[in-house]
Amino acid sequence: MKQYIQKYYYGDYGEGKNGAADISTSGTSKQEWPLWEVFIRSKQGLDHKHVGSLHAADAQMAIENARDVYTRRNEGISIWVVESKYIHASNPDDADALYDPANDKAYRHPTFYDLPDELTHI
């Protein structure tokens, strides 16, 4: 009895009975890879910026695919990936009520401090 080892690489699709790759978008596939949001920190920046989204089976695969897609010219020094289902956002219509408590706390803003010239990242 022959045993076959099925080997998949990143980006591979399952094959149908006729040998053709199954790339249908009908939504009837057995399992779709989750969507990941990609954030890259550039060499000049101090923060990570959202650069796009991609589908991957797990976090490691998402990082490797993000590296290949979004940092082809060696422009990034750090990659974050977050599964899209774990991102929650506030409603822009609720912005007034959401930010109202912070507006009356002037001490949180360094508007009345003398900052040294060497301080550039505030």
PDB file of N, CA and C in Angstrom:
ATOM      1  N   MET A   1       0.847  -1.171   0.000  1.00  0.00           N
ATOM      2  CA  MET A   1       0.000   0.000   0.000  1.00  0.00           C
ATOM      3  C   MET A   1       0.896   1.240   0.000  1.00  0.00           C
ATOM      4  N   LYS A   2       0.662   2.138  -0.922  1.00  0.00           N
ATOM      5  CA  LYS A   2       1.457   3.360  -1.026  1.00  0.00           C
ATOM      6  C   LYS A   2       0.919   4.401  -0.061  1.00  0.00           C
ATOM      7  N   GLN A   3       1.835   5.092   0.577  1.00  0.00           N
ATOM      8  CA  GLN A   3       1.449   6.207   1.436  1.00  0.00           C
ATOM      9  C   GLN A   3       1.967   7.479   0.803  1.00  0.00           C
ATOM     10  N   TYR A   4       1.129   8.462   0.743  1.00  0.00           N
ATOM     11  CA  TYR A   4       1.504   9.731   0.145  1.00  0.00           C
ATOM     12  C   TYR A   4       1.620  10.780   1.238  1.00  0.00           C
ATOM     13  N   ILE A   5       2.636  11.574   1.112  1.00  0.00           N
ATOM     14  CA  ILE A   5       2.807  12.693   2.030  1.00  0.00           C
ATOM     15  C   ILE A   5       2.388  13.942   1.283  1.00  0.00           C
ATOM     16  N   GLN A   6       1.433  14.646   1.837  1.00  0.00           N
ATOM     17  CA  GLN A   6       0.949  15.852   1.204  1.00  0.00           C
ATOM     18  C   GLN A   6       1.680  17.036   1.819  1.00  0.00           C
ATOM     19  N   LYS A   7       2.382  17.772   0.997  1.00  0.00           N
ATOM     20  CA  LYS A   7       3.191  18.880   1.470  1.00  0.00           C
ATOM     21  C   LYS A   7       2.611  20.181   0.946  1.00  0.00           C
ATOM     22  N   TYR A   8       2.358  21.113   1.826  1.00  0.00           N
ATOM     23  CA  TYR A   8       1.819  22.410   1.446  1.00  0.00           C
ATOM     24  C   TYR A   8       2.853  23.487   1.708  1.00  0.00           C
ATOM     25  N   TYR A   9       2.875  24.471   0.864  1.00  0.00           N
ATOM     26  CA  TYR A   9       3.714  25.649   1.035  1.00  0.00           C
ATOM     27  C   TYR A   9       2.817  26.854   1.227  1.00  0.00           C
ATOM     28  N   TYR A  10       3.388  27.941   1.738  1.00  0.00           N
ATOM     29  CA  TYR A  10       2.595  29.144   1.953  1.00  0.00           C
ATOM     30  C   TYR A  10       1.967  29.592   0.642  1.00  0.00           C
ATOM     31  N   GLY A  11       0.665  29.819   0.668  1.00  0.00           N
ATOM     32  CA  GLY A  11      -0.038  30.272  -0.509  1.00  0.00           C
ATOM     33  C   GLY A  11      -0.612  29.151  -1.350  1.00  0.00           C
ATOM     34  N   ASP A  12      -0.359  27.906  -0.978  1.00  0.00           N
ATOM     35  CA  ASP A  12      -0.894  26.780  -1.748  1.00  0.00           C
ATOM     36  C   ASP A  12      -2.399  26.666  -1.544  1.00  0.00           C
ATOM     37  N   TYR A  13      -3.053  26.201  -2.576  1.00  0.00           N
ATOM     38  CA  TYR A  13      -4.480  25.918  -2.509  1.00  0.00           C
ATOM     39  C   TYR A  13      -4.667  24.418  -2.620  1.00  0.00           C
ATOM     40  N   GLY A  14      -5.767  23.936  -2.091  1.00  0.00           N
ATOM     41  CA  GLY A  14      -6.065  22.528  -2.229  1.00  0.00           C
ATOM     42  C   GLY A  14      -6.374  22.182  -3.675  1.00  0.00           C
ATOM     43  N   GLU A  15      -6.193  20.956  -4.045  1.00  0.00           N
ATOM     44  CA  GLU A  15      -6.450  20.546  -5.421  1.00  0.00           C
ATOM     45  C   GLU A  15      -7.754  19.773  -5.504  1.00  0.00           C
ATOM     46  N   GLY A  16      -8.468  19.996  -6.580  1.00  0.00           N
ATOM     47  CA  GLY A  16      -9.700  19.280  -6.830  1.00  0.00           C
ATOM     48  C   GLY A  16      -9.406  17.904  -7.414  1.00  0.00           C
ATOM     49  N   LYS A  17     -10.431  17.150  -7.698  1.00  0.00           N
ATOM     50  CA  LYS A  17     -10.246  15.799  -8.235  1.00  0.00           C
ATOM     51  C   LYS A  17      -9.596  15.792  -9.608  1.00  0.00           C
ATOM     52  N   ASN A  18      -9.787  16.883 -10.357  1.00  0.00           N
ATOM     53  CA  ASN A  18      -9.204  16.938 -11.692  1.00  0.00           C
ATOM     54  C   ASN A  18      -7.772  17.467 -11.674  1.00  0.00           C
ATOM     55  N   GLY A  19      -7.210  17.737 -10.513  1.00  0.00           N
ATOM     56  CA  GLY A  19      -5.833  18.198 -10.407  1.00  0.00           C
ATOM     57  C   GLY A  19      -5.680  19.700 -10.451  1.00  0.00           C
ATOM     58  N   ALA A  20      -6.742  20.412 -10.720  1.00  0.00           N
ATOM     59  CA  ALA A  20      -6.658  21.875 -10.794  1.00  0.00           C
ATOM     60  C   ALA A  20      -6.735  22.465  -9.396  1.00  0.00           C
ATOM     61  N   ALA A  21      -6.077  23.583  -9.225  1.00  0.00           N
ATOM     62  CA  ALA A  21      -6.108  24.258  -7.930  1.00  0.00           C
ATOM     63  C   ALA A  21      -7.496  24.812  -7.673  1.00  0.00           C
ATOM     64  N   ASP A  22      -7.964  24.670  -6.456  1.00  0.00           N
ATOM     65  CA  ASP A  22      -9.274  25.175  -6.064  1.00  0.00           C
ATOM     66  C   ASP A  22      -9.103  26.592  -5.539  1.00  0.00           C
ATOM     67  N   ILE A  23      -9.380  27.574  -6.391  1.00  0.00           N
ATOM     68  CA  ILE A  23      -9.244  28.977  -5.977  1.00  0.00           C
ATOM     69  C   ILE A  23     -10.596  29.678  -6.036  1.00  0.00           C
ATOM     70  N   SER A  24     -11.645  28.906  -5.848  1.00  0.00           N
ATOM     71  CA  SER A  24     -12.986  29.471  -5.934  1.00  0.00           C
ATOM     72  C   SER A  24     -13.212  30.476  -4.825  1.00  0.00           C
ATOM     73  N   THR A  25     -14.029  31.469  -5.126  1.00  0.00           N
ATOM     74  CA  THR A  25     -14.365  32.497  -4.142  1.00  0.00           C
ATOM     75  C   THR A  25     -15.827  32.413  -3.748  1.00  0.00           C
ATOM     76  N   SER A  26     -16.414  31.252  -3.930  1.00  0.00           N
ATOM     77  CA  SER A  26     -17.841  31.097  -3.653  1.00  0.00           C
ATOM     78  C   SER A  26     -18.145  31.007  -2.164  1.00  0.00           C
ATOM     79  N   GLY A  27     -17.119  30.912  -1.336  1.00  0.00           N
ATOM     80  CA  GLY A  27     -17.356  30.824   0.094  1.00  0.00           C
ATOM     81  C   GLY A  27     -17.684  29.429   0.566  1.00  0.00           C
ATOM     82  N   THR A  28     -17.583  28.454  -0.299  1.00  0.00           N
ATOM     83  CA  THR A  28     -17.907  27.090   0.079  1.00  0.00           C
ATOM     84  C   THR A  28     -16.653  26.292   0.403  1.00  0.00           C
ATOM     85  N   SER A  29     -15.528  26.948   0.533  1.00  0.00           N
ATOM     86  CA  SER A  29     -14.296  26.222   0.840  1.00  0.00           C
ATOM     87  C   SER A  29     -14.370  25.658   2.252  1.00  0.00           C
ATOM     88  N   LYS A  30     -13.578  24.638   2.498  1.00  0.00           N
ATOM     89  CA  LYS A  30     -13.620  23.962   3.788  1.00  0.00           C
ATOM     90  C   LYS A  30     -13.194  24.892   4.919  1.00  0.00           C
ATOM     91  N   GLN A  31     -12.129  25.632   4.679  1.00  0.00           N
ATOM     92  CA  GLN A  31     -11.648  26.527   5.724  1.00  0.00           C
ATOM     93  C   GLN A  31     -10.905  27.677   5.065  1.00  0.00           C
ATOM     94  N   GLU A  32     -11.249  28.890   5.442  1.00  0.00           N
ATOM     95  CA  GLU A  32     -10.546  30.051   4.927  1.00  0.00           C
ATOM     96  C   GLU A  32      -9.560  30.534   5.980  1.00  0.00           C
ATOM     97  N   TRP A  33      -8.424  30.987   5.525  1.00  0.00           N
ATOM     98  CA  TRP A  33      -7.448  31.546   6.452  1.00  0.00           C
ATOM     99  C   TRP A  33      -7.951  32.862   6.998  1.00  0.00           C
ATOM    100  N   PRO A  34      -7.683  33.141   8.274  1.00  0.00           N
ATOM    101  CA  PRO A  34      -8.164  34.394   8.853  1.00  0.00           C
ATOM    102  C   PRO A  34      -7.424  35.606   8.278  1.00  0.00           C
ATOM    103  N   LEU A  35      -8.047  36.745   8.395  1.00  0.00           N
ATOM    104  CA  LEU A  35      -7.475  38.006   7.936  1.00  0.00           C
ATOM    105  C   LEU A  35      -6.613  38.600   9.042  1.00  0.00           C
ATOM    106  N   TRP A  36      -5.417  39.052   8.686  1.00  0.00           N
ATOM    107  CA  TRP A  36      -4.474  39.651   9.640  1.00  0.00           C
ATOM    108  C   TRP A  36      -4.191  41.082   9.212  1.00  0.00           C
ATOM    109  N   GLU A  37      -4.147  41.994  10.170  1.00  0.00           N
ATOM    110  CA  GLU A  37      -3.761  43.382   9.918  1.00  0.00           C
ATOM    111  C   GLU A  37      -2.270  43.495  10.178  1.00  0.00           C
ATOM    112  N   VAL A  38      -1.567  44.222   9.320  1.00  0.00           N
ATOM    113  CA  VAL A  38      -0.110  44.307   9.376  1.00  0.00           C
ATOM    114  C   VAL A  38       0.310  45.729   9.734  1.00  0.00           C
ATOM    115  N   PHE A  39       1.218  45.822  10.711  1.00  0.00           N
ATOM    116  CA  PHE A  39       1.775  47.098  11.144  1.00  0.00           C
ATOM    117  C   PHE A  39       3.295  47.015  11.032  1.00  0.00           C
ATOM    118  N   ILE A  40       3.917  48.031  10.425  1.00  0.00           N
ATOM    119  CA  ILE A  40       5.360  48.049  10.209  1.00  0.00           C
ATOM    120  C   ILE A  40       5.945  49.275  10.893  1.00  0.00           C
ATOM    121  N   ARG A  41       7.080  49.074  11.545  1.00  0.00           N
ATOM    122  CA  ARG A  41       7.840  50.195  12.107  1.00  0.00           C
ATOM    123  C   ARG A  41       8.996  50.480  11.164  1.00  0.00           C
ATOM    124  N   SER A  42       9.050  51.701  10.651  1.00  0.00           N
ATOM    125  CA  SER A  42      10.113  52.058   9.714  1.00  0.00           C
ATOM    126  C   SER A  42      11.393  52.387  10.472  1.00  0.00           C
ATOM    127  N   LYS A  43      12.483  52.477   9.750  1.00  0.00           N
ATOM    128  CA  LYS A  43      13.772  52.772  10.373  1.00  0.00           C
ATOM    129  C   LYS A  43      13.794  54.166  10.986  1.00  0.00           C
ATOM    130  N   GLN A  44      13.070  55.101  10.399  1.00  0.00           N
ATOM    131  CA  GLN A  44      13.056  56.470  10.908  1.00  0.00           C
ATOM    132  C   GLN A  44      11.985  56.701  11.970  1.00  0.00           C
ATOM    133  N   GLY A  45      10.997  55.835  12.050  1.00  0.00           N
ATOM    134  CA  GLY A  45       9.863  56.082  12.926  1.00  0.00           C
ATOM    135  C   GLY A  45       9.985  55.458  14.293  1.00  0.00           C
ATOM    136  N   LEU A  46       9.193  55.980  15.211  1.00  0.00           N
ATOM    137  CA  LEU A  46       9.123  55.435  16.564  1.00  0.00           C
ATOM    138  C   LEU A  46       7.873  54.594  16.772  1.00  0.00           C
ATOM    139  N   ASP A  47       6.959  54.640  15.811  1.00  0.00           N
ATOM    140  CA  ASP A  47       5.704  53.917  15.987  1.00  0.00           C
ATOM    141  C   ASP A  47       5.450  52.992  14.803  1.00  0.00           C
ATOM    142  N   HIS A  48       4.584  52.031  15.028  1.00  0.00           N
ATOM    143  CA  HIS A  48       4.180  51.115  13.971  1.00  0.00           C
ATOM    144  C   HIS A  48       3.008  51.742  13.219  1.00  0.00           C
ATOM    145  N   LYS A  49       2.998  51.611  11.913  1.00  0.00           N
ATOM    146  CA  LYS A  49       1.916  52.147  11.085  1.00  0.00           C
ATOM    147  C   LYS A  49       1.230  51.009  10.352  1.00  0.00           C
ATOM    148  N   HIS A  50      -0.092  51.117  10.239  1.00  0.00           N
ATOM    149  CA  HIS A  50      -0.854  50.101   9.518  1.00  0.00           C
ATOM    150  C   HIS A  50      -0.530  50.216   8.035  1.00  0.00           C
ATOM    151  N   VAL A  51      -0.127  49.085   7.428  1.00  0.00           N
ATOM    152  CA  VAL A  51       0.252  49.107   6.016  1.00  0.00           C
ATOM    153  C   VAL A  51      -0.660  48.255   5.148  1.00  0.00           C
ATOM    154  N   GLY A  52      -1.463  47.400   5.754  1.00  0.00           N
ATOM    155  CA  GLY A  52      -2.364  46.578   4.959  1.00  0.00           C
ATOM    156  C   GLY A  52      -2.831  45.340   5.682  1.00  0.00           C
ATOM    157  N   SER A  53      -3.428  44.448   4.919  1.00  0.00           N
ATOM    158  CA  SER A  53      -3.996  43.218   5.460  1.00  0.00           C
ATOM    159  C   SER A  53      -3.578  42.054   4.578  1.00  0.00           C
ATOM    160  N   LEU A  54      -3.615  40.858   5.160  1.00  0.00           N
ATOM    161  CA  LEU A  54      -3.348  39.645   4.390  1.00  0.00           C
ATOM    162  C   LEU A  54      -3.981  38.460   5.080  1.00  0.00           C
ATOM    163  N   HIS A  55      -4.147  37.383   4.333  1.00  0.00           N
ATOM    164  CA  HIS A  55      -4.682  36.141   4.884  1.00  0.00           C
ATOM    165  C   HIS A  55      -3.521  35.203   5.181  1.00  0.00           C
ATOM    166  N   ALA A  56      -3.574  34.549   6.336  1.00  0.00           N
ATOM    167  CA  ALA A  56      -2.539  33.590   6.720  1.00  0.00           C
ATOM    168  C   ALA A  56      -3.144  32.583   7.684  1.00  0.00           C
ATOM    169  N   ALA A  57      -2.520  31.408   7.746  1.00  0.00           N
ATOM    170  CA  ALA A  57      -3.025  30.340   8.602  1.00  0.00           C
ATOM    171  C   ALA A  57      -2.744  30.601  10.078  1.00  0.00           C
ATOM    172  N   ASP A  58      -1.606  31.215  10.390  1.00  0.00           N
ATOM    173  CA  ASP A  58      -1.252  31.497  11.781  1.00  0.00           C
ATOM    174  C   ASP A  58      -0.381  32.742  11.840  1.00  0.00           C
ATOM    175  N   ALA A  59       0.007  33.137  13.055  1.00  0.00           N
ATOM    176  CA  ALA A  59       0.757  34.380  13.249  1.00  0.00           C
ATOM    177  C   ALA A  59       2.129  34.326  12.592  1.00  0.00           C
ATOM    178  N   GLN A  60       2.818  33.205  12.706  1.00  0.00           N
ATOM    179  CA  GLN A  60       4.146  33.087  12.106  1.00  0.00           C
ATOM    180  C   GLN A  60       4.078  33.235  10.588  1.00  0.00           C
ATOM    181  N   MET A  61       3.098  32.598  10.001  1.00  0.00           N
ATOM    182  CA  MET A  61       2.921  32.707   8.555  1.00  0.00           C
ATOM    183  C   MET A  61       2.561  34.138   8.165  1.00  0.00           C
ATOM    184  N   ALA A  62       1.749  34.807   8.983  1.00  0.00           N
ATOM    185  CA  ALA A  62       1.375  36.195   8.709  1.00  0.00           C
ATOM    186  C   ALA A  62       2.598  37.100   8.750  1.00  0.00           C
ATOM    187  N   ILE A  63       3.490  36.886   9.715  1.00  0.00           N
ATOM    188  CA  ILE A  63       4.708  37.700   9.798  1.00  0.00           C
ATOM    189  C   ILE A  63       5.593  37.463   8.582  1.00  0.00           C
ATOM    190  N   GLU A  64       5.758  36.212   8.196  1.00  0.00           N
ATOM    191  CA  GLU A  64       6.608  35.906   7.042  1.00  0.00           C
ATOM    192  C   GLU A  64       6.011  36.461   5.748  1.00  0.00           C
ATOM    193  N   ASN A  65       4.705  36.344   5.592  1.00  0.00           N
ATOM    194  CA  ASN A  65       4.073  36.905   4.397  1.00  0.00           C
ATOM    195  C   ASN A  65       4.125  38.430   4.412  1.00  0.00           C
ATOM    196  N   ALA A  66       3.942  39.038   5.583  1.00  0.00           N
ATOM    197  CA  ALA A  66       4.030  40.495   5.690  1.00  0.00           C
ATOM    198  C   ALA A  66       5.434  40.977   5.346  1.00  0.00           C
ATOM    199  N   ARG A  67       6.433  40.235   5.801  1.00  0.00           N
ATOM    200  CA  ARG A  67       7.815  40.580   5.456  1.00  0.00           C
ATOM    201  C   ARG A  67       8.002  40.569   3.945  1.00  0.00           C
ATOM    202  N   ASP A  68       7.487  39.528   3.296  1.00  0.00           N
ATOM    203  CA  ASP A  68       7.654  39.404   1.850  1.00  0.00           C
ATOM    204  C   ASP A  68       6.871  40.454   1.072  1.00  0.00           C
ATOM    205  N   VAL A  69       5.690  40.806   1.564  1.00  0.00           N
ATOM    206  CA  VAL A  69       4.826  41.721   0.818  1.00  0.00           C
ATOM    207  C   VAL A  69       5.120  43.187   1.136  1.00  0.00           C
ATOM    208  N   TYR A  70       5.319  43.517   2.405  1.00  0.00           N
ATOM    209  CA  TYR A  70       5.372  44.919   2.809  1.00  0.00           C
ATOM    210  C   TYR A  70       6.769  45.451   3.125  1.00  0.00           C
ATOM    211  N   THR A  71       7.772  44.612   3.182  1.00  0.00           N
ATOM    212  CA  THR A  71       9.128  45.108   3.473  1.00  0.00           C
ATOM    213  C   THR A  71      10.125  44.601   2.442  1.00  0.00           C
ATOM    214  N   ARG A  72       9.765  44.653   1.185  1.00  0.00           N
ATOM    215  CA  ARG A  72      10.627  44.139   0.120  1.00  0.00           C
ATOM    216  C   ARG A  72      11.894  44.973  -0.064  1.00  0.00           C
ATOM    217  N   ARG A  73      11.859  46.227   0.292  1.00  0.00           N
ATOM    218  CA  ARG A  73      13.005  47.108   0.087  1.00  0.00           C
ATOM    219  C   ARG A  73      13.746  47.399   1.387  1.00  0.00           C
ATOM    220  N   ASN A  74      13.614  46.523   2.356  1.00  0.00           N
ATOM    221  CA  ASN A  74      14.327  46.652   3.632  1.00  0.00           C
ATOM    222  C   ASN A  74      13.959  47.917   4.390  1.00  0.00           C
ATOM    223  N   GLU A  75      12.704  48.382   4.258  1.00  0.00           N
ATOM    224  CA  GLU A  75      12.316  49.625   4.901  1.00  0.00           C
ATOM    225  C   GLU A  75      11.812  49.458   6.332  1.00  0.00           C
ATOM    226  N   GLY A  76      11.571  48.260   6.782  1.00  0.00           N
ATOM    227  CA  GLY A  76      11.041  48.069   8.127  1.00  0.00           C
ATOM    228  C   GLY A  76      12.043  47.422   9.063  1.00  0.00           C
ATOM    229  N   ILE A  77      11.858  47.703  10.367  1.00  0.00           N
ATOM    230  CA  ILE A  77      12.703  47.051  11.366  1.00  0.00           C
ATOM    231  C   ILE A  77      11.890  46.206  12.330  1.00  0.00           C
ATOM    232  N   SER A  78      10.559  46.330  12.269  1.00  0.00           N
ATOM    233  CA  SER A  78       9.705  45.554  13.163  1.00  0.00           C
ATOM    234  C   SER A  78       8.344  45.355  12.502  1.00  0.00           C
ATOM    235  N   ILE A  79       7.787  44.161  12.677  1.00  0.00           N
ATOM    236  CA  ILE A  79       6.483  43.837  12.101  1.00  0.00           C
ATOM    237  C   ILE A  79       5.560  43.357  13.215  1.00  0.00           C
ATOM    238  N   TRP A  80       4.358  43.914  13.241  1.00  0.00           N
ATOM    239  CA  TRP A  80       3.304  43.416  14.113  1.00  0.00           C
ATOM    240  C   TRP A  80       2.190  42.888  13.224  1.00  0.00           C
ATOM    241  N   VAL A  81       1.614  41.760  13.610  1.00  0.00           N
ATOM    242  CA  VAL A  81       0.408  41.264  12.945  1.00  0.00           C
ATOM    243  C   VAL A  81      -0.644  40.992  14.015  1.00  0.00           C
ATOM    244  N   VAL A  82      -1.864  41.364  13.710  1.00  0.00           N
ATOM    245  CA  VAL A  82      -2.981  41.171  14.636  1.00  0.00           C
ATOM    246  C   VAL A  82      -4.140  40.593  13.843  1.00  0.00           C
ATOM    247  N   GLU A  83      -4.694  39.514  14.350  1.00  0.00           N
ATOM    248  CA  GLU A  83      -5.851  38.943  13.677  1.00  0.00           C
ATOM    249  C   GLU A  83      -6.998  39.947  13.732  1.00  0.00           C
ATOM    250  N   SER A  84      -7.600  40.193  12.596  1.00  0.00           N
ATOM    251  CA  SER A  84      -8.600  41.261  12.464  1.00  0.00           C
ATOM    252  C   SER A  84      -9.759  41.122  13.433  1.00  0.00           C
ATOM    253  N   LYS A  85     -10.123  39.896  13.776  1.00  0.00           N
ATOM    254  CA  LYS A  85     -11.279  39.726  14.660  1.00  0.00           C
ATOM    255  C   LYS A  85     -11.006  40.237  16.067  1.00  0.00           C
ATOM    256  N   TYR A  86      -9.744  40.490  16.409  1.00  0.00           N
ATOM    257  CA  TYR A  86      -9.414  40.992  17.740  1.00  0.00           C
ATOM    258  C   TYR A  86      -9.264  42.509  17.793  1.00  0.00           C
ATOM    259  N   ILE A  87      -9.526  43.187  16.700  1.00  0.00           N
ATOM    260  CA  ILE A  87      -9.446  44.645  16.677  1.00  0.00           C
ATOM    261  C   ILE A  87     -10.851  45.204  16.868  1.00  0.00           C
ATOM    262  N   HIS A  88     -10.985  46.082  17.822  1.00  0.00           N
ATOM    263  CA  HIS A  88     -12.262  46.735  18.096  1.00  0.00           C
ATOM    264  C   HIS A  88     -12.049  48.235  18.004  1.00  0.00           C
ATOM    265  N   ALA A  89     -13.004  48.921  17.458  1.00  0.00           N
ATOM    266  CA  ALA A  89     -12.868  50.366  17.243  1.00  0.00           C
ATOM    267  C   ALA A  89     -14.073  51.095  17.823  1.00  0.00           C
ATOM    268  N   SER A  90     -13.836  52.349  18.168  1.00  0.00           N
ATOM    269  CA  SER A  90     -14.941  53.184  18.631  1.00  0.00           C
ATOM    270  C   SER A  90     -15.723  53.682  17.423  1.00  0.00           C
ATOM    271  N   ASN A  91     -16.935  54.091  17.670  1.00  0.00           N
ATOM    272  CA  ASN A  91     -17.800  54.625  16.628  1.00  0.00           C
ATOM    273  C   ASN A  91     -17.507  56.109  16.461  1.00  0.00           C
ATOM    274  N   PRO A  92     -17.181  56.576  15.256  1.00  0.00           N
ATOM    275  CA  PRO A  92     -16.898  58.001  15.059  1.00  0.00           C
ATOM    276  C   PRO A  92     -18.064  58.903  15.447  1.00  0.00           C
ATOM    277  N   ASP A  93     -19.294  58.395  15.383  1.00  0.00           N
ATOM    278  CA  ASP A  93     -20.457  59.198  15.777  1.00  0.00           C
ATOM    279  C   ASP A  93     -20.476  59.481  17.275  1.00  0.00           C
ATOM    280  N   ASP A  94     -19.786  58.656  18.061  1.00  0.00           N
ATOM    281  CA  ASP A  94     -19.752  58.822  19.508  1.00  0.00           C
ATOM    282  C   ASP A  94     -18.517  59.588  19.984  1.00  0.00           C
ATOM    283  N   ALA A  95     -17.793  60.232  19.081  1.00  0.00           N
ATOM    284  CA  ALA A  95     -16.531  60.878  19.434  1.00  0.00           C
ATOM    285  C   ALA A  95     -16.709  61.974  20.477  1.00  0.00           C
ATOM    286  N   ASP A  96     -17.755  62.788  20.354  1.00  0.00           N
ATOM    287  CA  ASP A  96     -17.952  63.877  21.324  1.00  0.00           C
ATOM    288  C   ASP A  96     -18.107  63.342  22.737  1.00  0.00           C
ATOM    289  N   ALA A  97     -18.944  62.346  22.919  1.00  0.00           N
ATOM    290  CA  ALA A  97     -19.160  61.775  24.244  1.00  0.00           C
ATOM    291  C   ALA A  97     -17.932  61.007  24.733  1.00  0.00           C
ATOM    292  N   LEU A  98     -17.231  60.379  23.822  1.00  0.00           N
ATOM    293  CA  LEU A  98     -16.070  59.573  24.200  1.00  0.00           C
ATOM    294  C   LEU A  98     -14.915  60.437  24.681  1.00  0.00           C
ATOM    295  N   TYR A  99     -14.656  61.547  23.995  1.00  0.00           N
ATOM    296  CA  TYR A  99     -13.496  62.372  24.322  1.00  0.00           C
ATOM    297  C   TYR A  99     -13.822  63.555  25.229  1.00  0.00           C
ATOM    298  N   ASP A 100     -15.061  63.763  25.553  1.00  0.00           N
ATOM    299  CA  ASP A 100     -15.445  64.896  26.396  1.00  0.00           C
ATOM    300  C   ASP A 100     -14.744  64.899  27.760  1.00  0.00           C
ATOM    301  N   PRO A 101     -14.631  63.779  28.461  1.00  0.00           N
ATOM    302  CA  PRO A 101     -13.974  63.829  29.768  1.00  0.00           C
ATOM    303  C   PRO A 101     -12.505  64.249  29.696  1.00  0.00           C
ATOM    304  N   ALA A 102     -11.841  64.018  28.592  1.00  0.00           N
ATOM    305  CA  ALA A 102     -10.421  64.365  28.484  1.00  0.00           C
ATOM    306  C   ALA A 102     -10.204  65.835  28.131  1.00  0.00           C
ATOM    307  N   ASN A 103     -11.211  66.503  27.609  1.00  0.00           N
ATOM    308  CA  ASN A 103     -11.040  67.888  27.175  1.00  0.00           C
ATOM    309  C   ASN A 103     -10.815  68.858  28.324  1.00  0.00           C
ATOM    310  N   ASP A 104     -11.307  68.536  29.523  1.00  0.00           N
ATOM    311  CA  ASP A 104     -11.159  69.460  30.646  1.00  0.00           C
ATOM    312  C   ASP A 104      -9.932  69.144  31.513  1.00  0.00           C
ATOM    313  N   LYS A 105      -9.021  68.349  31.024  1.00  0.00           N
ATOM    314  CA  LYS A 105      -7.815  67.984  31.778  1.00  0.00           C
ATOM    315  C   LYS A 105      -6.586  68.576  31.089  1.00  0.00           C
ATOM    316  N   ALA A 106      -6.428  69.872  31.244  1.00  0.00           N
ATOM    317  CA  ALA A 106      -5.343  70.588  30.571  1.00  0.00           C
ATOM    318  C   ALA A 106      -3.975  70.119  31.043  1.00  0.00           C
ATOM    319  N   TYR A 107      -3.889  69.616  32.269  1.00  0.00           N
ATOM    320  CA  TYR A 107      -2.607  69.176  32.790  1.00  0.00           C
ATOM    321  C   TYR A 107      -2.049  67.972  32.025  1.00  0.00           C
ATOM    322  N   ARG A 108      -2.869  67.326  31.224  1.00  0.00           N
ATOM    323  CA  ARG A 108      -2.387  66.193  30.430  1.00  0.00           C
ATOM    324  C   ARG A 108      -1.664  66.640  29.164  1.00  0.00           C
ATOM    325  N   HIS A 109      -1.772  67.908  28.832  1.00  0.00           N
ATOM    326  CA  HIS A 109      -1.131  68.445  27.640  1.00  0.00           C
ATOM    327  C   HIS A 109       0.038  69.330  28.052  1.00  0.00           C
ATOM    328  N   PRO A 110       1.217  69.138  27.484  1.00  0.00           N
ATOM    329  CA  PRO A 110       2.388  69.928  27.894  1.00  0.00           C
ATOM    330  C   PRO A 110       2.411  71.317  27.250  1.00  0.00           C
ATOM    331  N   THR A 111       1.289  72.013  27.324  1.00  0.00           N
ATOM    332  CA  THR A 111       1.219  73.315  26.660  1.00  0.00           C
ATOM    333  C   THR A 111       1.836  74.428  27.496  1.00  0.00           C
ATOM    334  N   PHE A 112       1.980  74.242  28.786  1.00  0.00           N
ATOM    335  CA  PHE A 112       2.525  75.306  29.626  1.00  0.00           C
ATOM    336  C   PHE A 112       3.885  74.940  30.212  1.00  0.00           C
ATOM    337  N   TYR A 113       4.533  73.933  29.645  1.00  0.00           N
ATOM    338  CA  TYR A 113       5.872  73.549  30.074  1.00  0.00           C
ATOM    339  C   TYR A 113       6.895  74.093  29.089  1.00  0.00           C
ATOM    340  N   ASP A 114       8.052  74.466  29.589  1.00  0.00           N
ATOM    341  CA  ASP A 114       9.161  74.825  28.718  1.00  0.00           C
ATOM    342  C   ASP A 114       9.927  73.554  28.393  1.00  0.00           C
ATOM    343  N   LEU A 115       9.919  73.184  27.136  1.00  0.00           N
ATOM    344  CA  LEU A 115      10.577  71.962  26.710  1.00  0.00           C
ATOM    345  C   LEU A 115      11.960  72.271  26.150  1.00  0.00           C
ATOM    346  N   PRO A 116      12.946  71.470  26.476  1.00  0.00           N
ATOM    347  CA  PRO A 116      14.282  71.679  25.920  1.00  0.00           C
ATOM    348  C   PRO A 116      14.292  71.428  24.405  1.00  0.00           C
ATOM    349  N   ASP A 117      15.192  72.077  23.705  1.00  0.00           N
ATOM    350  CA  ASP A 117      15.290  71.938  22.251  1.00  0.00           C
ATOM    351  C   ASP A 117      15.674  70.520  21.846  1.00  0.00           C
ATOM    352  N   GLU A 118      16.394  69.793  22.714  1.00  0.00           N
ATOM    353  CA  GLU A 118      16.836  68.437  22.383  1.00  0.00           C
ATOM    354  C   GLU A 118      15.667  67.452  22.334  1.00  0.00           C
ATOM    355  N   LEU A 119      14.555  67.814  22.960  1.00  0.00           N
ATOM    356  CA  LEU A 119      13.400  66.942  23.013  1.00  0.00           C
ATOM    357  C   LEU A 119      12.608  67.085  21.707  1.00  0.00           C
ATOM    358  N   THR A 120      12.625  66.033  20.888  1.00  0.00           N
ATOM    359  CA  THR A 120      12.016  66.130  19.566  1.00  0.00           C
ATOM    360  C   THR A 120      10.822  65.198  19.367  1.00  0.00           C
ATOM    361  N   HIS A 121      10.549  64.296  20.269  1.00  0.00           N
ATOM    362  CA  HIS A 121       9.520  63.288  20.039  1.00  0.00           C
ATOM    363  C   HIS A 121       8.320  63.429  20.957  1.00  0.00           C
ATOM    364  N   ILE A 122       7.832  64.628  21.125  1.00  0.00           N
ATOM    365  CA  ILE A 122       6.595  64.827  21.889  1.00  0.00           C
ATOM    366  C   ILE A 122       5.578  65.472  21.001  1.00  0.00           C
TER     367      ILE A 122
END
